[in-house]
Amino acid sequence: MSRLTTLLFAATFALAAAAAPAPARAQSSAPAAAPMDSTALPQVGQAAPDFSLASTAGGTQKLDKLKGRTVVLYFYPKDETPGCTKEACDFRDHRDDLKRAGVVVLGVSMDDLASHRRFRAKEKLTFPLLADTDGRVSRAYGVLRQRERDGKSFTYIERTTFVIDKTGHIARVWPRVSVSGHVEDVLAFVRGS
């Protein structure tokens, strides 16, 4: 073949390959979460949405009763699951450091109070867990997500932590929390603020 014929053949092959449809990608069987819309989360400087929730400490916990204190409000998906247990135990294990920093820790999920009491007792948690069974507070904080699995849709909480300052305003937000090292990050923030 002449050099010109070789070049023409290569160009024709390249054009044909570029025009061919891309091979189909394998679809993951893992369900995809609805994307997190960070604009739905209360932003730093905004007033924290007020709430009143049943507490494992007895009665109801109202955010407005904590003005003058720094609050770490962490939302988690479910009691007694591996990631949620690790996160809760990390907060428990840093109790003294958090207390010295003047912090009140509150955990929130959509589990009921009976589930929270079992979880708190089993893990010897040193802070209250709040029952947001209807998801009202989780929705106000922008942490509710929808997911489909096996053709069924369900609602869950995406792990998120807020620091609420002494005036009741959002001081810091950690969306999509990765549990490992998270409590240390929270502690570093509250010590520095």
N, C-alpha and C. Protein backbone atom coordinates (compact mmCIF):
# COMPACT_ATOMS: atom_id res chain seq x y z
N MET A 1 0.84 -1.18 0.00
CA MET A 1 0.00 0.00 0.00
C MET A 1 0.89 1.24 0.00
N SER A 2 0.37 2.23 -0.69
CA SER A 2 1.10 3.49 -0.69
C SER A 2 0.85 4.21 0.63
N ARG A 3 1.67 5.16 0.90
CA ARG A 3 1.55 5.93 2.14
C ARG A 3 0.22 6.68 2.17
N LEU A 4 -0.24 7.21 1.05
CA LEU A 4 -1.49 7.93 0.98
C LEU A 4 -2.66 7.00 1.27
N THR A 5 -2.63 5.81 0.73
CA THR A 5 -3.70 4.84 0.95
C THR A 5 -3.75 4.46 2.43
N THR A 6 -2.60 4.28 3.04
CA THR A 6 -2.54 3.93 4.46
C THR A 6 -3.14 5.04 5.31
N LEU A 7 -2.80 6.29 4.99
CA LEU A 7 -3.34 7.43 5.74
C LEU A 7 -4.85 7.53 5.57
N LEU A 8 -5.35 7.34 4.33
CA LEU A 8 -6.79 7.39 4.09
C LEU A 8 -7.51 6.28 4.85
N PHE A 9 -6.93 5.09 4.84
CA PHE A 9 -7.53 3.95 5.54
C PHE A 9 -7.59 4.24 7.06
N ALA A 10 -6.53 4.78 7.63
CA ALA A 10 -6.47 5.08 9.06
C ALA A 10 -7.48 6.17 9.41
N ALA A 11 -7.61 7.19 8.56
CA ALA A 11 -8.56 8.28 8.82
C ALA A 11 -9.99 7.76 8.75
N THR A 12 -10.30 6.90 7.77
CA THR A 12 -11.64 6.34 7.64
C THR A 12 -11.97 5.47 8.85
N PHE A 13 -11.02 4.67 9.29
CA PHE A 13 -11.21 3.82 10.47
C PHE A 13 -11.46 4.67 11.72
N ALA A 14 -10.71 5.76 11.89
CA ALA A 14 -10.85 6.64 13.06
C ALA A 14 -12.22 7.32 13.05
N LEU A 15 -12.68 7.76 11.88
CA LEU A 15 -14.00 8.39 11.78
C LEU A 15 -15.10 7.39 12.10
N ALA A 16 -14.98 6.19 11.62
CA ALA A 16 -15.99 5.16 11.88
C ALA A 16 -16.04 4.83 13.37
N ALA A 17 -14.90 4.74 13.99
CA ALA A 17 -14.85 4.45 15.43
C ALA A 17 -15.45 5.59 16.24
N ALA A 18 -15.22 6.83 15.82
CA ALA A 18 -15.76 7.97 16.55
C ALA A 18 -17.28 8.05 16.41
N ALA A 19 -17.82 7.60 15.27
CA ALA A 19 -19.26 7.67 15.02
C ALA A 19 -20.01 6.51 15.68
N ALA A 20 -19.32 5.47 16.04
CA ALA A 20 -19.98 4.30 16.65
C ALA A 20 -20.49 4.65 18.04
N PRO A 21 -21.64 4.08 18.44
CA PRO A 21 -22.15 4.37 19.79
C PRO A 21 -21.20 3.82 20.85
N ALA A 22 -21.14 4.52 21.96
CA ALA A 22 -20.29 4.08 23.06
C ALA A 22 -20.85 2.80 23.64
N PRO A 23 -19.99 1.90 24.09
CA PRO A 23 -20.49 0.67 24.69
C PRO A 23 -21.29 0.98 25.95
N ALA A 24 -22.33 0.19 26.17
CA ALA A 24 -23.16 0.40 27.36
C ALA A 24 -22.36 0.11 28.61
N ARG A 25 -22.53 0.95 29.62
CA ARG A 25 -21.84 0.73 30.89
C ARG A 25 -22.68 -0.17 31.77
N ALA A 26 -22.00 -0.95 32.54
CA ALA A 26 -22.72 -1.83 33.46
C ALA A 26 -23.42 -0.96 34.50
N GLN A 27 -24.66 -1.30 34.76
CA GLN A 27 -25.43 -0.56 35.74
C GLN A 27 -25.15 -1.13 37.11
N SER A 28 -24.93 -0.25 38.06
CA SER A 28 -24.70 -0.68 39.43
C SER A 28 -26.01 -1.12 40.05
N SER A 29 -25.98 -2.19 40.82
CA SER A 29 -27.19 -2.63 41.51
C SER A 29 -27.37 -1.89 42.82
N ALA A 30 -26.37 -1.13 43.23
CA ALA A 30 -26.48 -0.36 44.48
C ALA A 30 -27.42 0.82 44.25
N PRO A 31 -28.35 1.03 45.17
CA PRO A 31 -29.28 2.14 45.00
C PRO A 31 -28.57 3.48 45.16
N ALA A 32 -28.98 4.43 44.36
CA ALA A 32 -28.38 5.76 44.45
C ALA A 32 -29.25 6.63 45.33
N ALA A 33 -28.61 7.38 46.19
CA ALA A 33 -29.34 8.31 47.05
C ALA A 33 -29.67 9.55 46.25
N ALA A 34 -30.75 10.18 46.63
CA ALA A 34 -31.07 11.46 46.03
C ALA A 34 -29.91 12.40 46.35
N PRO A 35 -29.46 13.18 45.36
CA PRO A 35 -28.31 14.04 45.62
C PRO A 35 -28.59 15.02 46.75
N MET A 36 -27.54 15.31 47.50
CA MET A 36 -27.67 16.24 48.62
C MET A 36 -27.73 17.65 48.07
N ASP A 37 -28.75 18.38 48.43
CA ASP A 37 -28.91 19.76 48.02
C ASP A 37 -28.44 20.62 49.19
N SER A 38 -27.19 21.07 49.12
CA SER A 38 -26.62 21.79 50.25
C SER A 38 -27.35 23.11 50.52
N THR A 39 -28.13 23.59 49.55
CA THR A 39 -28.89 24.81 49.82
C THR A 39 -30.04 24.53 50.76
N ALA A 40 -30.45 23.26 50.90
CA ALA A 40 -31.53 22.90 51.81
C ALA A 40 -31.03 22.89 53.26
N LEU A 41 -29.73 22.76 53.45
CA LEU A 41 -29.17 22.77 54.80
C LEU A 41 -29.16 24.20 55.33
N PRO A 42 -29.45 24.39 56.61
CA PRO A 42 -29.26 25.73 57.16
C PRO A 42 -27.79 26.12 56.99
N GLN A 43 -27.56 27.34 56.62
CA GLN A 43 -26.21 27.81 56.35
C GLN A 43 -25.60 28.49 57.57
N VAL A 44 -24.29 28.55 57.61
CA VAL A 44 -23.58 29.22 58.70
C VAL A 44 -24.08 30.65 58.82
N GLY A 45 -24.40 31.05 60.05
CA GLY A 45 -24.89 32.38 60.31
C GLY A 45 -26.41 32.46 60.42
N GLN A 46 -27.11 31.46 59.86
CA GLN A 46 -28.58 31.46 59.96
C GLN A 46 -29.01 30.96 61.33
N ALA A 47 -30.20 31.37 61.74
CA ALA A 47 -30.77 30.85 62.98
C ALA A 47 -31.03 29.35 62.78
N ALA A 48 -30.67 28.57 63.77
CA ALA A 48 -30.92 27.13 63.72
C ALA A 48 -32.42 26.89 63.86
N PRO A 49 -32.99 26.00 63.04
CA PRO A 49 -34.41 25.71 63.19
C PRO A 49 -34.70 25.19 64.60
N ASP A 50 -35.70 25.77 65.24
CA ASP A 50 -36.05 25.37 66.60
C ASP A 50 -36.72 24.01 66.56
N PHE A 51 -36.67 23.29 67.67
CA PHE A 51 -37.33 21.99 67.75
C PHE A 51 -37.68 21.66 69.18
N SER A 52 -38.55 20.70 69.29
CA SER A 52 -38.94 20.12 70.58
C SER A 52 -39.15 18.64 70.32
N LEU A 53 -38.26 17.79 70.85
CA LEU A 53 -38.30 16.36 70.57
C LEU A 53 -38.22 15.55 71.86
N ALA A 54 -38.85 14.38 71.85
CA ALA A 54 -38.75 13.45 72.97
C ALA A 54 -37.30 13.03 73.13
N SER A 55 -36.85 12.97 74.39
CA SER A 55 -35.45 12.73 74.70
C SER A 55 -35.27 11.53 75.62
N THR A 56 -34.17 10.82 75.44
CA THR A 56 -33.85 9.71 76.35
C THR A 56 -33.48 10.23 77.73
N ALA A 57 -33.24 11.53 77.85
CA ALA A 57 -32.94 12.12 79.16
C ALA A 57 -34.22 12.37 79.95
N GLY A 58 -35.37 12.11 79.32
CA GLY A 58 -36.67 12.33 79.95
C GLY A 58 -37.31 13.60 79.43
N GLY A 59 -38.60 13.55 79.21
CA GLY A 59 -39.33 14.71 78.72
C GLY A 59 -38.96 15.07 77.30
N THR A 60 -39.03 16.36 77.04
CA THR A 60 -38.69 16.86 75.71
C THR A 60 -37.49 17.78 75.78
N GLN A 61 -36.74 17.76 74.70
CA GLN A 61 -35.59 18.65 74.58
C GLN A 61 -35.97 19.75 73.60
N LYS A 62 -35.86 20.99 74.04
CA LYS A 62 -36.16 22.14 73.19
C LYS A 62 -34.86 22.90 72.94
N LEU A 63 -34.63 23.22 71.68
CA LEU A 63 -33.40 23.93 71.34
C LEU A 63 -33.34 25.29 72.04
N ASP A 64 -34.47 25.99 72.11
CA ASP A 64 -34.43 27.33 72.70
C ASP A 64 -34.05 27.32 74.18
N LYS A 65 -34.14 26.18 74.83
CA LYS A 65 -33.73 26.08 76.24
C LYS A 65 -32.21 25.97 76.38
N LEU A 66 -31.52 25.82 75.26
CA LEU A 66 -30.06 25.67 75.30
C LEU A 66 -29.31 26.93 74.88
N LYS A 67 -30.04 28.04 74.68
CA LYS A 67 -29.35 29.29 74.34
C LYS A 67 -28.35 29.61 75.45
N GLY A 68 -27.20 30.10 75.03
CA GLY A 68 -26.12 30.35 75.98
C GLY A 68 -25.15 29.20 76.07
N ARG A 69 -25.46 28.10 75.38
CA ARG A 69 -24.56 26.92 75.34
C ARG A 69 -24.28 26.57 73.89
N THR A 70 -23.13 26.00 73.62
CA THR A 70 -22.80 25.50 72.29
C THR A 70 -23.38 24.10 72.17
N VAL A 71 -24.09 23.85 71.07
CA VAL A 71 -24.76 22.57 70.86
C VAL A 71 -24.17 21.88 69.64
N VAL A 72 -23.80 20.60 69.80
CA VAL A 72 -23.45 19.76 68.67
C VAL A 72 -24.67 18.89 68.43
N LEU A 73 -25.33 19.14 67.32
CA LEU A 73 -26.54 18.41 66.93
C LEU A 73 -26.17 17.51 65.77
N TYR A 74 -26.12 16.21 66.04
CA TYR A 74 -25.72 15.32 64.95
C TYR A 74 -26.88 14.40 64.58
N PHE A 75 -27.12 14.30 63.28
CA PHE A 75 -28.17 13.47 62.72
C PHE A 75 -27.53 12.20 62.18
N TYR A 76 -28.16 11.07 62.45
CA TYR A 76 -27.61 9.79 62.00
C TYR A 76 -28.76 8.91 61.52
N PRO A 77 -28.46 7.93 60.65
CA PRO A 77 -29.52 7.14 60.03
C PRO A 77 -30.29 6.21 60.95
N LYS A 78 -29.61 5.40 61.77
CA LYS A 78 -30.33 4.36 62.49
C LYS A 78 -29.54 3.86 63.70
N ASP A 79 -30.28 3.64 64.79
CA ASP A 79 -29.67 3.06 65.99
C ASP A 79 -29.07 1.69 65.69
N GLU A 80 -27.99 1.39 66.39
CA GLU A 80 -27.35 0.07 66.40
C GLU A 80 -26.89 -0.44 65.04
N THR A 81 -26.56 0.47 64.14
CA THR A 81 -25.92 0.07 62.89
C THR A 81 -24.43 0.40 63.04
N PRO A 82 -23.56 -0.25 62.29
CA PRO A 82 -22.12 -0.08 62.54
C PRO A 82 -21.62 1.36 62.53
N GLY A 83 -21.91 2.13 61.49
CA GLY A 83 -21.42 3.51 61.42
C GLY A 83 -22.01 4.39 62.51
N CYS A 84 -23.30 4.20 62.77
CA CYS A 84 -23.97 5.02 63.79
C CYS A 84 -23.46 4.68 65.18
N THR A 85 -23.18 3.41 65.42
CA THR A 85 -22.63 3.00 66.71
C THR A 85 -21.24 3.58 66.91
N LYS A 86 -20.41 3.52 65.86
CA LYS A 86 -19.05 4.08 65.97
C LYS A 86 -19.11 5.57 66.24
N GLU A 87 -19.96 6.29 65.53
CA GLU A 87 -20.06 7.74 65.73
C GLU A 87 -20.53 8.06 67.15
N ALA A 88 -21.57 7.37 67.62
CA ALA A 88 -22.10 7.62 68.97
C ALA A 88 -21.04 7.32 70.03
N CYS A 89 -20.33 6.20 69.84
CA CYS A 89 -19.29 5.83 70.82
C CYS A 89 -18.12 6.81 70.79
N ASP A 90 -17.82 7.37 69.62
CA ASP A 90 -16.76 8.39 69.54
C ASP A 90 -17.17 9.63 70.32
N PHE A 91 -18.42 10.05 70.20
CA PHE A 91 -18.89 11.20 71.00
C PHE A 91 -18.83 10.84 72.49
N ARG A 92 -19.23 9.62 72.83
CA ARG A 92 -19.18 9.17 74.23
C ARG A 92 -17.74 9.20 74.75
N ASP A 93 -16.82 8.68 73.95
CA ASP A 93 -15.43 8.58 74.39
C ASP A 93 -14.73 9.94 74.51
N HIS A 94 -15.28 10.96 73.87
CA HIS A 94 -14.72 12.32 73.96
C HIS A 94 -15.56 13.20 74.89
N ARG A 95 -16.35 12.57 75.72
CA ARG A 95 -17.25 13.30 76.62
C ARG A 95 -16.53 14.37 77.44
N ASP A 96 -15.45 14.00 78.09
CA ASP A 96 -14.75 14.95 78.97
C ASP A 96 -14.21 16.15 78.19
N ASP A 97 -13.62 15.89 77.01
CA ASP A 97 -13.09 16.98 76.18
C ASP A 97 -14.22 17.90 75.72
N LEU A 98 -15.34 17.32 75.32
CA LEU A 98 -16.48 18.11 74.87
C LEU A 98 -17.07 18.91 76.02
N LYS A 99 -17.12 18.29 77.19
CA LYS A 99 -17.66 18.98 78.36
C LYS A 99 -16.77 20.18 78.73
N ARG A 100 -15.43 19.97 78.70
CA ARG A 100 -14.51 21.07 78.99
C ARG A 100 -14.66 22.21 77.98
N ALA A 101 -15.06 21.86 76.76
CA ALA A 101 -15.27 22.89 75.73
C ALA A 101 -16.65 23.54 75.86
N GLY A 102 -17.44 23.09 76.84
CA GLY A 102 -18.75 23.67 77.09
C GLY A 102 -19.82 23.26 76.10
N VAL A 103 -19.68 22.07 75.54
CA VAL A 103 -20.57 21.60 74.48
C VAL A 103 -21.64 20.65 75.01
N VAL A 104 -22.86 20.82 74.49
CA VAL A 104 -23.95 19.88 74.72
C VAL A 104 -24.08 19.06 73.44
N VAL A 105 -24.03 17.73 73.54
CA VAL A 105 -24.16 16.85 72.39
C VAL A 105 -25.57 16.26 72.38
N LEU A 106 -26.21 16.31 71.22
CA LEU A 106 -27.52 15.70 71.03
C LEU A 106 -27.51 14.89 69.74
N GLY A 107 -27.93 13.63 69.81
CA GLY A 107 -28.03 12.79 68.62
C GLY A 107 -29.49 12.69 68.20
N VAL A 108 -29.74 12.73 66.88
CA VAL A 108 -31.11 12.68 66.35
C VAL A 108 -31.21 11.65 65.25
N SER A 109 -32.22 10.79 65.35
CA SER A 109 -32.58 9.90 64.24
C SER A 109 -34.10 9.74 64.25
N MET A 110 -34.62 9.01 63.27
CA MET A 110 -36.06 8.79 63.19
C MET A 110 -36.50 7.55 63.96
N ASP A 111 -35.58 6.93 64.69
CA ASP A 111 -35.95 5.79 65.55
C ASP A 111 -36.82 6.30 66.70
N ASP A 112 -37.64 5.41 67.24
CA ASP A 112 -38.50 5.82 68.36
C ASP A 112 -37.71 5.83 69.66
N LEU A 113 -38.34 6.34 70.70
CA LEU A 113 -37.69 6.50 71.99
C LEU A 113 -37.27 5.15 72.59
N ALA A 114 -38.07 4.10 72.40
CA ALA A 114 -37.71 2.78 72.93
C ALA A 114 -36.41 2.28 72.29
N SER A 115 -36.28 2.45 70.98
CA SER A 115 -35.05 2.06 70.28
C SER A 115 -33.87 2.88 70.78
N HIS A 116 -34.07 4.18 70.95
CA HIS A 116 -33.01 5.06 71.46
C HIS A 116 -32.57 4.63 72.86
N ARG A 117 -33.53 4.28 73.71
CA ARG A 117 -33.18 3.88 75.07
C ARG A 117 -32.34 2.61 75.07
N ARG A 118 -32.72 1.63 74.24
CA ARG A 118 -31.92 0.38 74.13
C ARG A 118 -30.51 0.69 73.64
N PHE A 119 -30.42 1.50 72.60
CA PHE A 119 -29.12 1.86 72.01
C PHE A 119 -28.26 2.61 73.03
N ARG A 120 -28.86 3.56 73.72
CA ARG A 120 -28.12 4.35 74.70
C ARG A 120 -27.61 3.47 75.85
N ALA A 121 -28.47 2.56 76.32
CA ALA A 121 -28.08 1.68 77.42
C ALA A 121 -27.00 0.69 76.98
N LYS A 122 -27.20 0.09 75.82
CA LYS A 122 -26.24 -0.91 75.32
C LYS A 122 -24.85 -0.32 75.13
N GLU A 123 -24.79 0.89 74.58
CA GLU A 123 -23.49 1.53 74.28
C GLU A 123 -23.01 2.46 75.38
N LYS A 124 -23.78 2.56 76.47
CA LYS A 124 -23.43 3.43 77.60
C LYS A 124 -23.17 4.87 77.14
N LEU A 125 -24.09 5.38 76.33
CA LEU A 125 -23.95 6.73 75.79
C LEU A 125 -24.21 7.74 76.90
N THR A 126 -23.46 8.81 76.87
CA THR A 126 -23.48 9.80 77.96
C THR A 126 -24.20 11.09 77.56
N PHE A 127 -24.96 11.05 76.49
CA PHE A 127 -25.68 12.23 76.00
C PHE A 127 -27.05 11.77 75.50
N PRO A 128 -28.01 12.69 75.45
CA PRO A 128 -29.36 12.32 75.03
C PRO A 128 -29.47 12.02 73.53
N LEU A 129 -30.36 11.10 73.23
CA LEU A 129 -30.77 10.83 71.85
C LEU A 129 -32.20 11.33 71.72
N LEU A 130 -32.48 12.00 70.61
CA LEU A 130 -33.79 12.60 70.38
C LEU A 130 -34.53 11.85 69.28
N ALA A 131 -35.83 11.59 69.51
CA ALA A 131 -36.65 10.82 68.58
C ALA A 131 -37.41 11.75 67.64
N ASP A 132 -37.01 11.74 66.39
CA ASP A 132 -37.68 12.54 65.34
C ASP A 132 -38.47 11.58 64.46
N THR A 133 -39.44 10.90 65.04
CA THR A 133 -40.13 9.80 64.36
C THR A 133 -40.88 10.23 63.11
N ASP A 134 -41.35 11.46 63.05
CA ASP A 134 -42.06 11.91 61.84
C ASP A 134 -41.13 12.63 60.85
N GLY A 135 -39.86 12.79 61.20
CA GLY A 135 -38.89 13.41 60.31
C GLY A 135 -39.02 14.91 60.16
N ARG A 136 -39.87 15.53 60.96
CA ARG A 136 -40.13 16.97 60.86
C ARG A 136 -38.86 17.78 61.09
N VAL A 137 -38.11 17.47 62.13
CA VAL A 137 -36.90 18.22 62.45
C VAL A 137 -35.80 17.91 61.43
N SER A 138 -35.68 16.65 61.05
CA SER A 138 -34.70 16.27 60.03
C SER A 138 -34.97 17.01 58.72
N ARG A 139 -36.23 17.15 58.38
CA ARG A 139 -36.60 17.90 57.16
C ARG A 139 -36.21 19.37 57.32
N ALA A 140 -36.49 19.95 58.49
CA ALA A 140 -36.16 21.36 58.73
C ALA A 140 -34.65 21.61 58.61
N TYR A 141 -33.85 20.60 58.96
CA TYR A 141 -32.39 20.72 58.88
C TYR A 141 -31.85 20.24 57.53
N GLY A 142 -32.73 19.82 56.63
CA GLY A 142 -32.32 19.45 55.27
C GLY A 142 -31.54 18.16 55.15
N VAL A 143 -31.76 17.20 56.07
CA VAL A 143 -30.95 15.98 56.05
C VAL A 143 -31.73 14.73 55.61
N LEU A 144 -33.01 14.87 55.28
CA LEU A 144 -33.79 13.71 54.82
C LEU A 144 -33.49 13.42 53.36
N ARG A 145 -33.38 12.16 53.04
CA ARG A 145 -33.11 11.72 51.67
C ARG A 145 -34.08 10.61 51.30
N GLN A 146 -34.29 10.44 50.00
CA GLN A 146 -35.10 9.35 49.46
C GLN A 146 -34.16 8.38 48.75
N ARG A 147 -34.46 7.12 48.84
CA ARG A 147 -33.67 6.11 48.16
C ARG A 147 -34.61 5.00 47.71
N GLU A 148 -34.26 4.38 46.61
CA GLU A 148 -35.02 3.22 46.14
C GLU A 148 -34.17 1.98 46.25
N ARG A 149 -34.80 0.92 46.70
CA ARG A 149 -34.14 -0.37 46.79
C ARG A 149 -35.18 -1.43 46.49
N ASP A 150 -34.86 -2.31 45.58
CA ASP A 150 -35.77 -3.38 45.18
C ASP A 150 -37.14 -2.83 44.79
N GLY A 151 -37.15 -1.69 44.11
CA GLY A 151 -38.39 -1.10 43.63
C GLY A 151 -39.20 -0.37 44.68
N LYS A 152 -38.70 -0.30 45.90
CA LYS A 152 -39.42 0.40 46.97
C LYS A 152 -38.64 1.64 47.38
N SER A 153 -39.38 2.71 47.64
CA SER A 153 -38.77 3.96 48.04
C SER A 153 -38.82 4.07 49.57
N PHE A 154 -37.76 4.58 50.15
CA PHE A 154 -37.76 4.80 51.59
C PHE A 154 -37.00 6.09 51.91
N THR A 155 -37.31 6.62 53.08
CA THR A 155 -36.71 7.86 53.55
C THR A 155 -35.69 7.54 54.62
N TYR A 156 -34.58 8.24 54.59
CA TYR A 156 -33.54 8.04 55.60
C TYR A 156 -32.86 9.37 55.89
N ILE A 157 -32.11 9.41 56.96
CA ILE A 157 -31.33 10.59 57.33
C ILE A 157 -29.92 10.42 56.81
N GLU A 158 -29.42 11.47 56.14
CA GLU A 158 -28.02 11.47 55.72
C GLU A 158 -27.20 12.04 56.88
N ARG A 159 -26.18 11.30 57.27
CA ARG A 159 -25.35 11.66 58.43
C ARG A 159 -24.80 13.07 58.26
N THR A 160 -25.19 13.96 59.17
CA THR A 160 -24.83 15.38 59.10
C THR A 160 -24.71 15.92 60.52
N THR A 161 -23.74 16.79 60.73
CA THR A 161 -23.54 17.40 62.05
C THR A 161 -23.58 18.92 61.94
N PHE A 162 -24.23 19.54 62.92
CA PHE A 162 -24.29 20.99 63.02
C PHE A 162 -23.72 21.42 64.37
N VAL A 163 -22.97 22.51 64.37
CA VAL A 163 -22.62 23.17 65.62
C VAL A 163 -23.48 24.42 65.67
N ILE A 164 -24.21 24.56 66.77
CA ILE A 164 -25.08 25.72 66.97
C ILE A 164 -24.44 26.55 68.08
N ASP A 165 -24.21 27.82 67.79
CA ASP A 165 -23.51 28.67 68.76
C ASP A 165 -24.43 29.09 69.91
N LYS A 166 -23.87 29.82 70.83
CA LYS A 166 -24.59 30.21 72.05
C LYS A 166 -25.78 31.12 71.79
N THR A 167 -25.81 31.75 70.62
CA THR A 167 -26.94 32.62 70.28
C THR A 167 -28.02 31.90 69.48
N GLY A 168 -27.80 30.61 69.21
CA GLY A 168 -28.79 29.83 68.46
C GLY A 168 -28.61 29.87 66.96
N HIS A 169 -27.43 30.24 66.50
CA HIS A 169 -27.15 30.31 65.06
C HIS A 169 -26.21 29.17 64.65
N ILE A 170 -26.34 28.78 63.39
CA ILE A 170 -25.47 27.73 62.85
C ILE A 170 -24.05 28.27 62.76
N ALA A 171 -23.12 27.58 63.42
CA ALA A 171 -21.71 28.00 63.40
C ALA A 171 -20.89 27.16 62.43
N ARG A 172 -21.32 25.90 62.21
CA ARG A 172 -20.56 24.99 61.33
C ARG A 172 -21.47 23.86 60.91
N VAL A 173 -21.29 23.38 59.67
CA VAL A 173 -22.06 22.25 59.14
C VAL A 173 -21.08 21.25 58.53
N TRP A 174 -21.27 19.97 58.87
CA TRP A 174 -20.54 18.88 58.22
C TRP A 174 -21.57 18.01 57.52
N PRO A 175 -21.76 18.18 56.20
CA PRO A 175 -22.68 17.28 55.48
C PRO A 175 -21.98 15.98 55.11
N ARG A 176 -22.76 14.94 54.89
CA ARG A 176 -22.23 13.64 54.45
C ARG A 176 -21.03 13.21 55.28
N VAL A 177 -21.22 13.15 56.55
CA VAL A 177 -20.14 12.88 57.49
C VAL A 177 -19.51 11.52 57.26
N SER A 178 -18.19 11.50 57.26
CA SER A 178 -17.42 10.27 57.31
C SER A 178 -17.05 10.09 58.78
N VAL A 179 -17.45 8.98 59.35
CA VAL A 179 -17.36 8.80 60.81
C VAL A 179 -15.93 8.87 61.33
N SER A 180 -15.01 8.25 60.65
CA SER A 180 -13.64 8.18 61.14
C SER A 180 -13.03 9.58 61.27
N GLY A 181 -12.66 9.95 62.49
CA GLY A 181 -12.03 11.24 62.76
C GLY A 181 -12.99 12.41 62.88
N HIS A 182 -14.27 12.15 62.71
CA HIS A 182 -15.25 13.25 62.71
C HIS A 182 -15.33 13.96 64.07
N VAL A 183 -15.41 13.21 65.14
CA VAL A 183 -15.55 13.84 66.45
C VAL A 183 -14.33 14.70 66.76
N GLU A 184 -13.16 14.27 66.35
CA GLU A 184 -11.95 15.08 66.54
C GLU A 184 -12.06 16.40 65.78
N ASP A 185 -12.64 16.35 64.56
CA ASP A 185 -12.85 17.59 63.78
C ASP A 185 -13.81 18.52 64.50
N VAL A 186 -14.90 17.97 65.03
CA VAL A 186 -15.88 18.76 65.77
C VAL A 186 -15.21 19.40 66.99
N LEU A 187 -14.46 18.60 67.71
CA LEU A 187 -13.78 19.09 68.92
C LEU A 187 -12.80 20.21 68.58
N ALA A 188 -12.04 20.04 67.52
CA ALA A 188 -11.10 21.09 67.10
C ALA A 188 -11.84 22.38 66.78
N PHE A 189 -13.00 22.26 66.13
CA PHE A 189 -13.77 23.45 65.78
C PHE A 189 -14.29 24.15 67.03
N VAL A 190 -14.91 23.40 67.94
CA VAL A 190 -15.51 24.05 69.12
C VAL A 190 -14.46 24.62 70.05
N ARG A 191 -13.27 24.02 70.07
CA ARG A 191 -12.19 24.58 70.89
C ARG A 191 -11.69 25.90 70.31
N GLY A 192 -11.73 26.00 68.98
CA GLY A 192 -11.22 27.19 68.32
C GLY A 192 -12.23 28.31 68.16
N SER A 193 -13.50 28.02 68.44
CA SER A 193 -14.52 29.07 68.23
C SER A 193 -14.87 29.78 69.51
